[in-house]
Amino acid sequence: MIDSSKSEMDELEKTLRDLYLLAIAEQIVTERQQRGEYKSLIDIKQRTGLPFTTYHHIA
C-alpha cells in the first residue's frame, strides 16, 4: 500500500511539473506570436514577466 501511494504521488508530481512547463511555454509562444521573435533571454523576461528561474526548465 505504501509503495502504491508513493508511486501515485510521484506520478502526480510529474503531471504537475508537466502542466507548469506547459503554462510557461504557452506564455512564451503567445507573446512571440503577438509581438514577434525574441532577441535575447532578457527580451523574453521583459516581455513575458517570467522570472529567469523558469527558463532553465524549458531550455
C-alpha atoms as a PDB file:
ATOM      1  CA  MET A   1       0.000   0.000   0.000  1.00  0.00           C
ATOM      2  CA  ILE A   2       2.774   2.483   0.860  1.00  0.00           C
ATOM      3  CA  ASP A   3       4.625   1.747  -2.402  1.00  0.00           C
ATOM      4  CA  SER A   4       1.418   2.379  -4.329  1.00  0.00           C
ATOM      5  CA  SER A   5       0.889   5.729  -2.602  1.00  0.00           C
ATOM      6  CA  LYS A   6       4.475   6.826  -3.281  1.00  0.00           C
ATOM      7  CA  SER A   7       4.105   5.834  -6.919  1.00  0.00           C
ATOM      8  CA  GLU A   8       0.856   7.795  -7.197  1.00  0.00           C
ATOM      9  CA  MET A   9       2.470  10.844  -5.581  1.00  0.00           C
ATOM     10  CA  ASP A  10       5.441  10.603  -7.951  1.00  0.00           C
ATOM     11  CA  GLU A  11       3.075  10.463 -10.913  1.00  0.00           C
ATOM     12  CA  LEU A  12       1.087  13.430  -9.579  1.00  0.00           C
ATOM     13  CA  GLU A  13       4.277  15.466  -9.108  1.00  0.00           C
ATOM     14  CA  LYS A  14       5.340  14.658 -12.680  1.00  0.00           C
ATOM     15  CA  THR A  15       1.935  15.688 -14.010  1.00  0.00           C
ATOM     16  CA  LEU A  16       2.009  18.977 -12.096  1.00  0.00           C
ATOM     17  CA  ARG A  17       5.548  19.700 -13.303  1.00  0.00           C
ATOM     18  CA  ASP A  18       4.474  18.999 -16.891  1.00  0.00           C
ATOM     19  CA  LEU A  19       1.495  21.354 -16.544  1.00  0.00           C
ATOM     20  CA  TYR A  20       3.760  24.053 -15.103  1.00  0.00           C
ATOM     21  CA  LEU A  21       6.181  23.731 -18.012  1.00  0.00           C
ATOM     22  CA  LEU A  22       3.323  23.793 -20.491  1.00  0.00           C
ATOM     23  CA  ALA A  23       1.969  27.016 -18.990  1.00  0.00           C
ATOM     24  CA  ILE A  24       5.418  28.635 -19.265  1.00  0.00           C
ATOM     25  CA  ALA A  25       5.812  27.524 -22.869  1.00  0.00           C
ATOM     26  CA  GLU A  26       2.339  28.754 -23.777  1.00  0.00           C
ATOM     27  CA  GLN A  27       3.036  32.175 -22.289  1.00  0.00           C
ATOM     28  CA  ILE A  28       6.306  32.475 -24.236  1.00  0.00           C
ATOM     29  CA  VAL A  29       4.732  31.318 -27.516  1.00  0.00           C
ATOM     30  CA  THR A  30       1.695  33.592 -27.151  1.00  0.00           C
ATOM     31  CA  GLU A  31       3.894  36.635 -26.578  1.00  0.00           C
ATOM     32  CA  ARG A  32       6.085  35.722 -29.557  1.00  0.00           C
ATOM     33  CA  GLN A  33       3.030  35.341 -31.802  1.00  0.00           C
ATOM     34  CA  GLN A  34       1.694  38.730 -30.725  1.00  0.00           C
ATOM     35  CA  ARG A  35       4.901  40.774 -30.881  1.00  0.00           C
ATOM     36  CA  GLY A  36       7.409  38.828 -32.992  1.00  0.00           C
ATOM     37  CA  GLU A  37      10.621  36.930 -32.375  1.00  0.00           C
ATOM     38  CA  TYR A  38      12.684  37.341 -29.216  1.00  0.00           C
ATOM     39  CA  LYS A  39      16.139  38.855 -29.456  1.00  0.00           C
ATOM     40  CA  SER A  40      17.543  37.518 -26.174  1.00  0.00           C
ATOM     41  CA  LEU A  41      16.739  35.845 -22.879  1.00  0.00           C
ATOM     42  CA  ILE A  42      16.350  39.284 -21.331  1.00  0.00           C
ATOM     43  CA  ASP A  43      13.824  40.138 -24.046  1.00  0.00           C
ATOM     44  CA  ILE A  44      11.787  37.052 -23.061  1.00  0.00           C
ATOM     45  CA  LYS A  45      11.881  38.098 -19.403  1.00  0.00           C
ATOM     46  CA  GLN A  46      10.834  41.660 -20.119  1.00  0.00           C
ATOM     47  CA  ARG A  47       8.027  40.715 -22.481  1.00  0.00           C
ATOM     48  CA  THR A  48       6.567  37.765 -20.543  1.00  0.00           C
ATOM     49  CA  GLY A  49       7.286  38.869 -16.992  1.00  0.00           C
ATOM     50  CA  LEU A  50       8.531  35.373 -16.164  1.00  0.00           C
ATOM     51  CA  PRO A  51      11.467  35.150 -13.738  1.00  0.00           C
ATOM     52  CA  PHE A  52      14.773  33.790 -15.043  1.00  0.00           C
ATOM     53  CA  THR A  53      14.453  30.707 -12.828  1.00  0.00           C
ATOM     54  CA  THR A  54      11.621  29.403 -15.028  1.00  0.00           C
ATOM     55  CA  TYR A  55      13.753  29.254 -18.167  1.00  0.00           C
ATOM     56  CA  HIS A  56      16.153  26.507 -17.115  1.00  0.00           C
ATOM     57  CA  HIS A  57      13.198  24.101 -17.089  1.00  0.00           C
ATOM     58  CA  ILE A  58      12.483  24.592 -20.761  1.00  0.00           C
ATOM     59  CA  ALA A  59      15.949  25.118 -22.216  1.00  0.00           C
END
